Amino acid sequence: MEVVHTIGRRKKAVARVYLSDGKGAITVNGRDVKDYFSTATLQFKLEQAQGLAGVEGQYDIKVNVEGGGITGQAEAIRLGISRALVKLNPDHRLVLKPEGLLTRDPRMVERKKPGQKKARKKFQFSKR
């Protein structure tokens, strides 16, 4: 099997995912996934798509991710892995789509407006 390449995005994080046959090793930026993402919640997010598709331990995943924070990066990787699994086998789409794993989350940080403290917060108003 050739290497399948997909991209996942979330907020400012961009993850390039390379899926190939293997024993289930996940490498993020040259480090093991357990070293890169320390919390169990983030590790679960990366394994969620494989678990639903029922292909745990069948593919090696190599990821290059940049930008954003660790949660955004984890969700970007999850989207990339989900897209790669669908590229390999279109039947996985029926399982992953209802769980929302193929949807690109469009929420971004709202920009700061001039004349205000932050995006929505205003300076204190004084009537007199």
C-alpha atoms as a PDB file:
ATOM      1  CA  MET A   1       0.000   0.000   0.000  1.00  0.00           C
ATOM      2  CA  GLU A   2       1.209   3.491  -0.770  1.00  0.00           C
ATOM      3  CA  VAL A   3       1.231   6.275   1.798  1.00  0.00           C
ATOM      4  CA  VAL A   4      -2.031   8.224   2.099  1.00  0.00           C
ATOM      5  CA  HIS A   5      -1.580  11.958   2.737  1.00  0.00           C
ATOM      6  CA  THR A   6      -4.330  14.223   4.116  1.00  0.00           C
ATOM      7  CA  ILE A   7      -4.605  17.563   5.898  1.00  0.00           C
ATOM      8  CA  GLY A   8      -6.665  18.463   8.976  1.00  0.00           C
ATOM      9  CA  ARG A   9      -7.228  21.957  10.342  1.00  0.00           C
ATOM     10  CA  ARG A  10      -8.667  23.449  13.547  1.00  0.00           C
ATOM     11  CA  LYS A  11      -8.367  27.130  14.539  1.00  0.00           C
ATOM     12  CA  LYS A  12      -4.743  28.012  13.635  1.00  0.00           C
ATOM     13  CA  ALA A  13      -3.467  24.411  13.773  1.00  0.00           C
ATOM     14  CA  VAL A  14      -2.602  22.590  10.540  1.00  0.00           C
ATOM     15  CA  ALA A  15      -1.839  18.851  10.629  1.00  0.00           C
ATOM     16  CA  ARG A  16      -0.345  16.912   7.723  1.00  0.00           C
ATOM     17  CA  VAL A  17      -1.142  13.224   8.239  1.00  0.00           C
ATOM     18  CA  TYR A  18       0.674  10.352   6.488  1.00  0.00           C
ATOM     19  CA  LEU A  19      -1.002   6.938   6.875  1.00  0.00           C
ATOM     20  CA  SER A  20       0.804   3.728   5.914  1.00  0.00           C
ATOM     21  CA  ASP A  21       0.645   0.016   6.729  1.00  0.00           C
ATOM     22  CA  GLY A  22       2.206  -0.853  10.070  1.00  0.00           C
ATOM     23  CA  LYS A  23       1.654  -1.821  13.671  1.00  0.00           C
ATOM     24  CA  GLY A  24      -0.276   1.211  14.944  1.00  0.00           C
ATOM     25  CA  ALA A  25       2.567   3.592  15.884  1.00  0.00           C
ATOM     26  CA  ILE A  26       1.595   7.262  15.966  1.00  0.00           C
ATOM     27  CA  THR A  27       4.419   9.816  15.635  1.00  0.00           C
ATOM     28  CA  VAL A  28       3.794  13.546  16.023  1.00  0.00           C
ATOM     29  CA  ASN A  29       6.580  15.909  14.913  1.00  0.00           C
ATOM     30  CA  GLY A  30       9.130  13.096  15.285  1.00  0.00           C
ATOM     31  CA  ARG A  31       8.041  12.278  18.859  1.00  0.00           C
ATOM     32  CA  ASP A  32       5.847   9.501  20.208  1.00  0.00           C
ATOM     33  CA  VAL A  33       2.214  10.503  20.713  1.00  0.00           C
ATOM     34  CA  LYS A  34       2.432   9.777  24.477  1.00  0.00           C
ATOM     35  CA  ASP A  35       5.296  12.287  24.788  1.00  0.00           C
ATOM     36  CA  TYR A  36       3.693  14.986  22.632  1.00  0.00           C
ATOM     37  CA  PHE A  37       0.172  14.813  24.100  1.00  0.00           C
ATOM     38  CA  SER A  38       0.486  14.127  27.821  1.00  0.00           C
ATOM     39  CA  THR A  39      -3.200  14.015  28.797  1.00  0.00           C
ATOM     40  CA  ALA A  40      -5.380  10.958  28.193  1.00  0.00           C
ATOM     41  CA  THR A  41      -8.170  13.102  26.709  1.00  0.00           C
ATOM     42  CA  LEU A  42      -5.975  14.333  23.866  1.00  0.00           C
ATOM     43  CA  GLN A  43      -4.601  10.836  23.251  1.00  0.00           C
ATOM     44  CA  PHE A  44      -8.175   9.515  23.068  1.00  0.00           C
ATOM     45  CA  LYS A  45      -9.041  12.130  20.419  1.00  0.00           C
ATOM     46  CA  LEU A  46      -6.274  10.792  18.178  1.00  0.00           C
ATOM     47  CA  GLU A  47      -7.376   7.165  18.564  1.00  0.00           C
ATOM     48  CA  GLN A  48     -11.109   7.892  18.317  1.00  0.00           C
ATOM     49  CA  ALA A  49     -11.398   7.659  14.512  1.00  0.00           C
ATOM     50  CA  GLN A  50      -9.446   4.391  14.353  1.00  0.00           C
ATOM     51  CA  GLY A  51     -11.544   2.900  17.150  1.00  0.00           C
ATOM     52  CA  LEU A  52     -14.834   3.744  15.440  1.00  0.00           C
ATOM     53  CA  ALA A  53     -13.605   2.422  12.092  1.00  0.00           C
ATOM     54  CA  GLY A  54     -12.260  -0.731  13.791  1.00  0.00           C
ATOM     55  CA  VAL A  55      -8.729  -0.463  12.385  1.00  0.00           C
ATOM     56  CA  GLU A  56      -6.654  -0.003  15.575  1.00  0.00           C
ATOM     57  CA  GLY A  57      -3.104  -1.250  15.185  1.00  0.00           C
ATOM     58  CA  GLN A  58      -3.300  -1.669  11.402  1.00  0.00           C
ATOM     59  CA  TYR A  59      -1.699   1.594  10.255  1.00  0.00           C
ATOM     60  CA  ASP A  60       1.353   3.640  11.200  1.00  0.00           C
ATOM     61  CA  ILE A  61       0.571   7.348  11.379  1.00  0.00           C
ATOM     62  CA  LYS A  62       3.179  10.062  10.932  1.00  0.00           C
ATOM     63  CA  VAL A  63       2.015  13.617  11.620  1.00  0.00           C
ATOM     64  CA  ASN A  64       3.566  17.041  11.104  1.00  0.00           C
ATOM     65  CA  VAL A  65       1.545  19.647  12.980  1.00  0.00           C
ATOM     66  CA  GLU A  66       2.123  23.356  13.499  1.00  0.00           C
ATOM     67  CA  GLY A  67       0.264  26.379  14.859  1.00  0.00           C
ATOM     68  CA  GLY A  68      -2.359  26.735  17.550  1.00  0.00           C
ATOM     69  CA  GLY A  69      -2.450  25.095  20.971  1.00  0.00           C
ATOM     70  CA  ILE A  70      -2.342  21.433  21.894  1.00  0.00           C
ATOM     71  CA  THR A  71      -6.122  20.935  21.854  1.00  0.00           C
ATOM     72  CA  GLY A  72      -6.474  22.519  18.422  1.00  0.00           C
ATOM     73  CA  GLN A  73      -3.569  20.434  17.184  1.00  0.00           C
ATOM     74  CA  ALA A  74      -5.122  17.212  18.534  1.00  0.00           C
ATOM     75  CA  GLU A  75      -8.442  17.965  16.831  1.00  0.00           C
ATOM     76  CA  ALA A  76      -6.678  18.876  13.569  1.00  0.00           C
ATOM     77  CA  ILE A  77      -4.859  15.527  13.673  1.00  0.00           C
ATOM     78  CA  ARG A  78      -8.135  13.711  14.374  1.00  0.00           C
ATOM     79  CA  LEU A  79      -9.718  15.295  11.287  1.00  0.00           C
ATOM     80  CA  GLY A  80      -6.678  14.370   9.183  1.00  0.00           C
ATOM     81  CA  ILE A  81      -6.752  10.745  10.362  1.00  0.00           C
ATOM     82  CA  SER A  82     -10.510  10.517   9.689  1.00  0.00           C
ATOM     83  CA  ARG A  83     -10.060  11.862   6.159  1.00  0.00           C
ATOM     84  CA  ALA A  84      -7.218   9.409   5.513  1.00  0.00           C
ATOM     85  CA  LEU A  85      -9.328   6.447   6.672  1.00  0.00           C
ATOM     86  CA  VAL A  86     -12.162   7.495   4.346  1.00  0.00           C
ATOM     87  CA  LYS A  87      -9.671   7.841   1.486  1.00  0.00           C
ATOM     88  CA  LEU A  88      -8.520   4.254   2.101  1.00  0.00           C
ATOM     89  CA  ASN A  89     -11.994   2.794   2.486  1.00  0.00           C
ATOM     90  CA  PRO A  90     -15.122   4.864   1.647  1.00  0.00           C
ATOM     91  CA  ASP A  91     -17.210   2.544   3.874  1.00  0.00           C
ATOM     92  CA  HIS A  92     -15.643   4.175   6.961  1.00  0.00           C
ATOM     93  CA  ARG A  93     -17.538   7.359   6.069  1.00  0.00           C
ATOM     94  CA  LEU A  94     -20.814   5.784   7.249  1.00  0.00           C
ATOM     95  CA  VAL A  95     -19.347   5.344  10.751  1.00  0.00           C
ATOM     96  CA  LEU A  96     -17.285   8.548  11.067  1.00  0.00           C
ATOM     97  CA  LYS A  97     -19.735  11.081   9.586  1.00  0.00           C
ATOM     98  CA  PRO A  98     -22.502  10.700  12.239  1.00  0.00           C
ATOM     99  CA  GLU A  99     -19.884  11.194  14.991  1.00  0.00           C
ATOM    100  CA  GLY A 100     -18.865  14.522  13.408  1.00  0.00           C
ATOM    101  CA  LEU A 101     -15.277  13.441  12.759  1.00  0.00           C
ATOM    102  CA  LEU A 102     -15.332  14.502   9.106  1.00  0.00           C
ATOM    103  CA  THR A 103     -16.596  18.030   9.797  1.00  0.00           C
ATOM    104  CA  ARG A 104     -14.095  20.885   9.774  1.00  0.00           C
ATOM    105  CA  ASP A 105     -14.897  23.013  12.835  1.00  0.00           C
ATOM    106  CA  PRO A 106     -15.260  26.552  11.420  1.00  0.00           C
ATOM    107  CA  ARG A 107     -14.995  28.413  14.737  1.00  0.00           C
ATOM    108  CA  MET A 108     -12.085  30.857  14.779  1.00  0.00           C
ATOM    109  CA  VAL A 109     -10.954  33.570  17.168  1.00  0.00           C
ATOM    110  CA  GLU A 110     -12.955  36.766  16.643  1.00  0.00           C
ATOM    111  CA  ARG A 111     -10.814  39.774  15.795  1.00  0.00           C
ATOM    112  CA  LYS A 112     -10.327  42.709  18.155  1.00  0.00           C
ATOM    113  CA  LYS A 113     -12.244  45.815  17.075  1.00  0.00           C
ATOM    114  CA  PRO A 114     -10.801  49.340  17.270  1.00  0.00           C
ATOM    115  CA  GLY A 115     -12.089  51.454  20.145  1.00  0.00           C
ATOM    116  CA  GLN A 116     -12.768  48.375  22.295  1.00  0.00           C
ATOM    117  CA  LYS A 117     -10.771  46.426  24.861  1.00  0.00           C
ATOM    118  CA  LYS A 118     -11.178  43.039  23.168  1.00  0.00           C
ATOM    119  CA  ALA A 119     -13.379  41.481  20.477  1.00  0.00           C
ATOM    120  CA  ARG A 120     -16.606  42.075  22.400  1.00  0.00           C
ATOM    121  CA  LYS A 121     -15.617  43.754  25.669  1.00  0.00           C
ATOM    122  CA  LYS A 122     -16.025  47.520  25.669  1.00  0.00           C
ATOM    123  CA  PHE A 123     -14.390  50.224  27.751  1.00  0.00           C
ATOM    124  CA  GLN A 124     -16.412  51.230  30.827  1.00  0.00           C
ATOM    125  CA  PHE A 125     -19.191  53.666  29.944  1.00  0.00           C
ATOM    126  CA  SER A 126     -19.757  56.685  32.146  1.00  0.00           C
ATOM    127  CA  LYS A 127     -22.911  58.718  31.635  1.00  0.00           C
ATOM    128  CA  ARG A 128     -21.697  61.664  33.768  1.00  0.00           C
END
